[in-house]
Each structure stands twice: as structure tokens, then as C-alpha cells.
Amino acid sequence: MAETVDSSELFCAPSKGGKRKYNWELWQDGRTWKITKGVDFFCSLRSMRLSIGIRAKYAGLNYKTVTNKDNQTITFQFSPRTK
């Protein structure tokens, strides 16, 4: 039977109460970041990569992501959008 689940199982969205789970403002500083599943994020790698892309679009930035060979970390970087 179908059931409803917390949206965090689908996307790495803000937690309940409006507080953000992730420090997007810091991560958007142009440096290259490596985040670890179970430490820095708790959704699937695919969902986190999707969230990074959505955040980049929302902020008007370009981005690069790589799922590392260990399948537990994502390396990513935001950069200014060029015209």
C-alpha cells in the first residue's frame, strides 16, 4: 500500500521549522567542497547532487559535481554564471 514519507527522503530540503540543514551560503563561496553521506548530508547521493543543482539555479550560479569513487562523498563547486 502507498504511504507518505518525509520529503527529506526524496530531496535534501530544509528541515521542518524552516531551518536549513545545509550552509548553502558558505558552500557557495567558490571553493571546492567535499561532503560525506551520513555526516554532511543524509539523503541519497543522487538527491544531494540534485539539491546542489537546484540551489545553483536558485542562486543564479554554475556548478560542478562529482560523485567520488567511494560512493560516500560528493565533491562540488559553485561559480558565477557567465553571460
Protein backbone atom coordinates (compact mmCIF):
# COMPACT_ATOMS: atom_id res chain seq x y z
CA MET A 1 0.00 0.00 0.00
CA ALA A 2 1.24 3.51 -0.77
CA GLU A 3 2.35 5.66 2.12
CA THR A 4 3.55 9.21 2.61
CA VAL A 5 7.09 9.87 3.74
CA ASP A 6 9.10 12.85 4.91
CA SER A 7 10.24 14.85 1.88
CA SER A 8 13.85 14.59 3.06
CA GLU A 9 13.79 11.04 1.72
CA LEU A 10 13.42 12.49 -1.77
CA PHE A 11 15.31 15.77 -1.62
CA CYS A 12 17.79 17.34 0.75
CA ALA A 13 15.37 20.14 1.52
CA PRO A 14 15.26 22.47 4.52
CA SER A 15 14.28 20.67 7.68
CA LYS A 16 10.97 21.22 9.42
CA GLY A 17 10.59 24.57 11.10
CA GLY A 18 12.27 26.41 8.22
CA LYS A 19 15.83 25.96 9.49
CA ARG A 20 18.23 24.99 6.76
CA LYS A 21 20.06 21.70 7.06
CA TYR A 22 22.95 22.92 4.95
CA ASN A 23 25.07 26.05 4.96
CA TRP A 24 24.50 26.90 1.30
CA GLU A 25 25.81 30.44 1.72
CA LEU A 26 29.17 29.10 2.87
CA TRP A 27 29.27 26.37 0.25
CA GLN A 28 28.61 28.95 -2.49
CA ASP A 29 31.86 30.79 -1.73
CA GLY A 30 33.65 29.47 -4.83
CA ARG A 31 35.85 26.95 -3.04
CA THR A 32 35.70 23.25 -3.85
CA TRP A 33 33.85 21.29 -1.17
CA LYS A 34 33.78 17.57 -0.37
CA ILE A 35 30.80 16.36 1.65
CA THR A 36 30.20 12.93 3.15
CA LYS A 37 26.96 10.98 3.28
CA GLY A 38 25.88 10.37 6.87
CA VAL A 39 27.98 13.28 8.12
CA ASP A 40 27.21 16.33 5.97
CA PHE A 41 24.00 15.08 4.32
CA PHE A 42 21.58 12.23 4.96
CA CYS A 43 19.80 11.65 1.67
CA SER A 44 20.99 9.64 -1.30
CA LEU A 45 23.95 10.82 -3.36
CA ARG A 46 21.62 11.36 -6.30
CA SER A 47 19.26 13.51 -4.24
CA MET A 48 22.11 15.60 -2.88
CA ARG A 49 23.51 16.21 -6.35
CA LEU A 50 20.03 17.22 -7.45
CA SER A 51 19.78 19.59 -4.49
CA ILE A 52 23.11 21.18 -5.40
CA GLY A 53 21.83 21.77 -8.92
CA ILE A 54 18.56 23.24 -7.69
CA ARG A 55 20.43 25.51 -5.29
CA ALA A 56 22.74 26.70 -8.09
CA LYS A 57 19.75 27.51 -10.29
CA TYR A 58 18.02 29.33 -7.41
CA ALA A 59 21.17 31.37 -6.69
CA GLY A 60 21.97 32.07 -10.36
CA LEU A 61 25.25 30.12 -10.24
CA ASN A 62 27.01 27.49 -12.31
CA TYR A 63 28.11 24.32 -10.55
CA LYS A 64 30.14 21.16 -10.97
CA THR A 65 29.62 17.94 -9.02
CA VAL A 66 31.45 14.64 -8.88
CA THR A 67 30.33 11.55 -7.03
CA ASN A 68 33.59 10.13 -5.76
CA LYS A 69 34.63 6.52 -6.31
CA ASP A 70 33.94 5.68 -2.68
CA ASN A 71 30.20 6.31 -3.32
CA GLN A 72 30.02 8.10 0.02
CA THR A 73 31.25 11.59 -0.89
CA ILE A 74 30.42 14.33 -3.36
CA THR A 75 32.87 16.99 -4.46
CA PHE A 76 31.29 20.17 -5.79
CA GLN A 77 31.91 23.81 -6.58
CA PHE A 78 29.65 26.76 -7.31
CA SER A 79 30.88 29.52 -9.63
CA PRO A 80 29.45 32.76 -11.01
CA ARG A 81 27.34 32.39 -14.12
CA THR A 82 28.98 33.90 -17.18
CA LYS A 83 26.98 35.63 -19.88
